[in-house]
Amino acid sequence: MKNKIYTIICDSIEEINEVRPENSKIDKEYETILFGGGSSLDSLGLVNLIVAIEQNIEDKLDINITIADEKAMSQTSSPFKTIESLVEYILKLI
C-alpha cells in the first residue's frame, strides 16, 4: 500500500507540475520538502496538491479521505513536510 500511495502522490505532483514553470517543478523524491523552508510550494500550491491527492486516492483506491484536517494541523511535526511524511500520514488515515 505504501508504494501505491507514493505513486498517487507522484501522479498528483505531475498534475501540478504541468502548470508550473519549468524552473519550479516539484521533485518526486521521498525527501522532497513540500511545506516549510526549502519548499517550492506556496500555501495555495500545497492546497492544490492535497486536493489532487485526495481526488486521486478516491479515483484509484475508492477511498474517500480528508488529508488536511484538524488532526493533521495539530501535530507537532507536520505531515506535509516531505513526501515521505505525507505517505506515512496517509497510510495512518486509511
N, C-alpha and C. Protein backbone atom coordinates (compact mmCIF):
# COMPACT_ATOMS: atom_id res chain seq x y z
N MET A 1 0.83 -1.20 0.00
CA MET A 1 0.00 0.00 0.00
C MET A 1 0.88 1.26 0.00
N LYS A 2 2.03 1.18 0.65
CA LYS A 2 2.92 2.33 0.71
C LYS A 2 3.34 2.76 -0.70
N ASN A 3 3.66 1.80 -1.55
CA ASN A 3 4.06 2.13 -2.92
C ASN A 3 2.90 2.74 -3.71
N LYS A 4 1.68 2.25 -3.46
CA LYS A 4 0.51 2.81 -4.15
C LYS A 4 0.31 4.28 -3.77
N ILE A 5 0.44 4.57 -2.48
CA ILE A 5 0.27 5.94 -2.00
C ILE A 5 1.35 6.84 -2.58
N TYR A 6 2.59 6.35 -2.57
CA TYR A 6 3.70 7.13 -3.14
C TYR A 6 3.44 7.41 -4.62
N THR A 7 2.98 6.43 -5.36
CA THR A 7 2.68 6.60 -6.78
C THR A 7 1.57 7.62 -6.99
N ILE A 8 0.55 7.55 -6.15
CA ILE A 8 -0.56 8.52 -6.25
C ILE A 8 -0.05 9.93 -5.97
N ILE A 9 0.80 10.09 -4.98
CA ILE A 9 1.37 11.41 -4.69
C ILE A 9 2.20 11.89 -5.87
N CYS A 10 3.01 11.01 -6.44
CA CYS A 10 3.84 11.39 -7.59
C CYS A 10 2.97 11.77 -8.79
N ASP A 11 1.90 11.02 -9.02
CA ASP A 11 0.98 11.36 -10.11
C ASP A 11 0.34 12.72 -9.86
N SER A 12 0.00 13.00 -8.62
CA SER A 12 -0.60 14.29 -8.27
C SER A 12 0.40 15.43 -8.46
N ILE A 13 1.64 15.19 -8.09
CA ILE A 13 2.70 16.18 -8.30
C ILE A 13 2.86 16.44 -9.79
N GLU A 14 2.81 15.39 -10.58
CA GLU A 14 2.94 15.54 -12.03
C GLU A 14 1.82 16.43 -12.58
N GLU A 15 0.60 16.26 -12.06
CA GLU A 15 -0.51 17.12 -12.47
C GLU A 15 -0.23 18.58 -12.15
N ILE A 16 0.29 18.82 -10.94
CA ILE A 16 0.62 20.18 -10.51
C ILE A 16 1.77 20.73 -11.35
N ASN A 17 2.76 19.89 -11.64
CA ASN A 17 3.93 20.32 -12.42
C ASN A 17 3.56 20.76 -13.83
N GLU A 18 2.47 20.22 -14.38
CA GLU A 18 2.07 20.57 -15.74
C GLU A 18 1.78 22.06 -15.89
N VAL A 19 1.37 22.72 -14.82
CA VAL A 19 1.04 24.14 -14.90
C VAL A 19 2.09 25.04 -14.24
N ARG A 20 3.16 24.44 -13.75
CA ARG A 20 4.23 25.22 -13.12
C ARG A 20 5.31 25.55 -14.14
N PRO A 21 6.00 26.67 -13.96
CA PRO A 21 7.12 26.99 -14.84
C PRO A 21 8.20 25.90 -14.75
N GLU A 22 8.94 25.74 -15.83
CA GLU A 22 9.95 24.68 -15.91
C GLU A 22 10.96 24.73 -14.76
N ASN A 23 11.31 25.92 -14.32
CA ASN A 23 12.33 26.06 -13.27
C ASN A 23 11.77 25.90 -11.85
N SER A 24 10.48 25.60 -11.72
CA SER A 24 9.91 25.43 -10.38
C SER A 24 9.12 24.13 -10.25
N LYS A 25 9.51 23.14 -11.03
CA LYS A 25 8.86 21.83 -10.93
C LYS A 25 9.17 21.20 -9.57
N ILE A 26 8.23 20.42 -9.06
CA ILE A 26 8.39 19.76 -7.77
C ILE A 26 9.02 18.39 -8.01
N ASP A 27 10.09 18.10 -7.28
CA ASP A 27 10.73 16.79 -7.38
C ASP A 27 9.83 15.73 -6.76
N LYS A 28 10.01 14.50 -7.20
CA LYS A 28 9.18 13.41 -6.71
C LYS A 28 10.01 12.40 -5.92
N GLU A 29 10.88 12.90 -5.06
CA GLU A 29 11.71 12.06 -4.20
C GLU A 29 11.11 12.05 -2.80
N TYR A 30 11.36 10.98 -2.06
CA TYR A 30 10.84 10.89 -0.69
C TYR A 30 11.25 12.09 0.16
N GLU A 31 12.44 12.62 -0.08
CA GLU A 31 12.98 13.71 0.75
C GLU A 31 12.50 15.08 0.32
N THR A 32 11.75 15.18 -0.78
CA THR A 32 11.30 16.48 -1.28
C THR A 32 10.48 17.20 -0.22
N ILE A 33 10.86 18.43 0.05
CA ILE A 33 10.15 19.25 1.04
C ILE A 33 8.93 19.86 0.37
N LEU A 34 7.78 19.60 0.96
CA LEU A 34 6.51 20.11 0.43
C LEU A 34 6.02 21.35 1.18
N PHE A 35 6.40 21.47 2.44
CA PHE A 35 5.86 22.53 3.28
C PHE A 35 6.96 23.05 4.20
N GLY A 36 7.07 24.36 4.29
CA GLY A 36 8.07 24.96 5.17
C GLY A 36 9.28 25.43 4.38
N GLY A 37 10.36 25.72 5.10
CA GLY A 37 11.58 26.21 4.48
C GLY A 37 12.14 25.22 3.47
N GLY A 38 12.48 25.73 2.30
CA GLY A 38 13.03 24.88 1.25
C GLY A 38 12.00 24.34 0.29
N SER A 39 10.73 24.63 0.53
CA SER A 39 9.67 24.14 -0.35
C SER A 39 9.49 25.09 -1.52
N SER A 40 9.17 24.54 -2.68
CA SER A 40 8.86 25.39 -3.84
C SER A 40 7.36 25.67 -3.93
N LEU A 41 6.59 25.13 -2.99
CA LEU A 41 5.14 25.35 -2.97
C LEU A 41 4.77 26.47 -2.02
N ASP A 42 3.89 27.35 -2.44
CA ASP A 42 3.29 28.30 -1.50
C ASP A 42 2.05 27.63 -0.90
N SER A 43 1.34 28.32 -0.04
CA SER A 43 0.20 27.69 0.63
C SER A 43 -0.88 27.27 -0.35
N LEU A 44 -1.15 28.06 -1.38
CA LEU A 44 -2.15 27.70 -2.37
C LEU A 44 -1.69 26.48 -3.18
N GLY A 45 -0.41 26.41 -3.49
CA GLY A 45 0.12 25.25 -4.20
C GLY A 45 -0.01 23.98 -3.38
N LEU A 46 0.22 24.08 -2.07
CA LEU A 46 0.07 22.93 -1.19
C LEU A 46 -1.39 22.48 -1.15
N VAL A 47 -2.30 23.43 -1.06
CA VAL A 47 -3.73 23.09 -1.05
C VAL A 47 -4.11 22.39 -2.36
N ASN A 48 -3.64 22.91 -3.48
CA ASN A 48 -3.94 22.28 -4.77
C ASN A 48 -3.39 20.86 -4.83
N LEU A 49 -2.20 20.65 -4.31
CA LEU A 49 -1.61 19.31 -4.29
C LEU A 49 -2.43 18.37 -3.41
N ILE A 50 -2.83 18.82 -2.24
CA ILE A 50 -3.61 17.98 -1.33
C ILE A 50 -4.95 17.59 -1.97
N VAL A 51 -5.59 18.55 -2.61
CA VAL A 51 -6.87 18.26 -3.29
C VAL A 51 -6.65 17.22 -4.39
N ALA A 52 -5.59 17.37 -5.16
CA ALA A 52 -5.29 16.41 -6.23
C ALA A 52 -5.03 15.02 -5.64
N ILE A 53 -4.30 14.95 -4.54
CA ILE A 53 -4.01 13.66 -3.90
C ILE A 53 -5.30 13.02 -3.41
N GLU A 54 -6.14 13.79 -2.73
CA GLU A 54 -7.41 13.25 -2.24
C GLU A 54 -8.26 12.71 -3.39
N GLN A 55 -8.32 13.45 -4.47
CA GLN A 55 -9.12 13.02 -5.63
C GLN A 55 -8.54 11.76 -6.24
N ASN A 56 -7.21 11.70 -6.37
CA ASN A 56 -6.58 10.52 -6.96
C ASN A 56 -6.72 9.29 -6.07
N ILE A 57 -6.69 9.47 -4.76
CA ILE A 57 -6.91 8.34 -3.85
C ILE A 57 -8.33 7.82 -4.02
N GLU A 58 -9.28 8.74 -4.13
CA GLU A 58 -10.67 8.31 -4.32
C GLU A 58 -10.83 7.59 -5.67
N ASP A 59 -10.24 8.15 -6.71
CA ASP A 59 -10.37 7.56 -8.05
C ASP A 59 -9.68 6.20 -8.16
N LYS A 60 -8.50 6.08 -7.60
CA LYS A 60 -7.69 4.87 -7.80
C LYS A 60 -7.89 3.80 -6.74
N LEU A 61 -8.24 4.22 -5.51
CA LEU A 61 -8.38 3.25 -4.42
C LEU A 61 -9.82 3.15 -3.91
N ASP A 62 -10.69 4.02 -4.41
CA ASP A 62 -12.08 4.08 -3.96
C ASP A 62 -12.17 4.32 -2.45
N ILE A 63 -11.29 5.18 -1.96
CA ILE A 63 -11.27 5.56 -0.55
C ILE A 63 -11.42 7.08 -0.48
N ASN A 64 -12.38 7.55 0.29
CA ASN A 64 -12.61 8.97 0.46
C ASN A 64 -11.98 9.42 1.77
N ILE A 65 -10.94 10.26 1.68
CA ILE A 65 -10.28 10.76 2.88
C ILE A 65 -10.14 12.27 2.81
N THR A 66 -9.96 12.87 3.98
CA THR A 66 -9.61 14.28 4.09
C THR A 66 -8.24 14.35 4.72
N ILE A 67 -7.27 14.84 3.97
CA ILE A 67 -5.89 14.86 4.44
C ILE A 67 -5.64 16.06 5.36
N ALA A 68 -6.10 17.23 4.95
CA ALA A 68 -5.85 18.45 5.73
C ALA A 68 -7.02 18.69 6.68
N ASP A 69 -6.93 18.11 7.86
CA ASP A 69 -7.97 18.31 8.86
C ASP A 69 -7.33 18.77 10.16
N GLU A 70 -8.14 18.90 11.18
CA GLU A 70 -7.65 19.38 12.48
C GLU A 70 -6.56 18.47 13.03
N LYS A 71 -6.72 17.17 12.83
CA LYS A 71 -5.72 16.21 13.31
C LYS A 71 -4.35 16.48 12.68
N ALA A 72 -4.34 16.73 11.38
CA ALA A 72 -3.09 17.00 10.67
C ALA A 72 -2.47 18.30 11.14
N MET A 73 -3.30 19.31 11.34
CA MET A 73 -2.80 20.63 11.72
C MET A 73 -2.31 20.69 13.16
N SER A 74 -2.79 19.78 14.00
CA SER A 74 -2.43 19.84 15.42
C SER A 74 -1.17 19.03 15.76
N GLN A 75 -0.61 18.33 14.79
CA GLN A 75 0.57 17.52 15.07
C GLN A 75 1.80 18.41 15.24
N THR A 76 2.69 17.99 16.13
CA THR A 76 3.91 18.78 16.36
C THR A 76 4.83 18.75 15.15
N SER A 77 4.85 17.66 14.43
CA SER A 77 5.63 17.53 13.20
C SER A 77 4.65 17.43 12.03
N SER A 78 4.70 18.41 11.14
CA SER A 78 3.73 18.48 10.05
C SER A 78 3.81 17.26 9.14
N PRO A 79 2.66 16.64 8.85
CA PRO A 79 2.66 15.52 7.91
C PRO A 79 2.91 15.98 6.47
N PHE A 80 2.90 17.29 6.25
CA PHE A 80 3.10 17.84 4.92
C PHE A 80 4.55 18.27 4.66
N LYS A 81 5.43 18.02 5.61
CA LYS A 81 6.83 18.46 5.49
C LYS A 81 7.50 17.88 4.25
N THR A 82 7.45 16.57 4.09
CA THR A 82 8.09 15.91 2.95
C THR A 82 7.12 14.92 2.32
N ILE A 83 7.49 14.43 1.16
CA ILE A 83 6.67 13.39 0.53
C ILE A 83 6.62 12.17 1.44
N GLU A 84 7.74 11.81 2.04
CA GLU A 84 7.77 10.64 2.93
C GLU A 84 6.83 10.80 4.11
N SER A 85 6.85 11.96 4.76
CA SER A 85 5.96 12.16 5.91
C SER A 85 4.50 12.16 5.48
N LEU A 86 4.22 12.63 4.27
CA LEU A 86 2.85 12.62 3.76
C LEU A 86 2.39 11.20 3.45
N VAL A 87 3.26 10.39 2.88
CA VAL A 87 2.93 8.98 2.62
C VAL A 87 2.58 8.29 3.93
N GLU A 88 3.41 8.48 4.96
CA GLU A 88 3.19 7.84 6.25
C GLU A 88 1.87 8.31 6.88
N TYR A 89 1.58 9.59 6.77
CA TYR A 89 0.34 10.11 7.34
C TYR A 89 -0.88 9.55 6.62
N ILE A 90 -0.83 9.49 5.30
CA ILE A 90 -1.97 8.94 4.55
C ILE A 90 -2.17 7.46 4.88
N LEU A 91 -1.10 6.74 5.05
CA LEU A 91 -1.22 5.32 5.45
C LEU A 91 -1.96 5.20 6.78
N LYS A 92 -1.71 6.10 7.71
CA LYS A 92 -2.41 6.09 9.00
C LYS A 92 -3.89 6.39 8.82
N LEU A 93 -4.21 7.28 7.87
CA LEU A 93 -5.60 7.66 7.65
C LEU A 93 -6.42 6.53 7.04
N ILE A 94 -5.78 5.75 6.20
CA ILE A 94 -6.54 4.70 5.53
C ILE A 94 -6.30 3.37 6.21
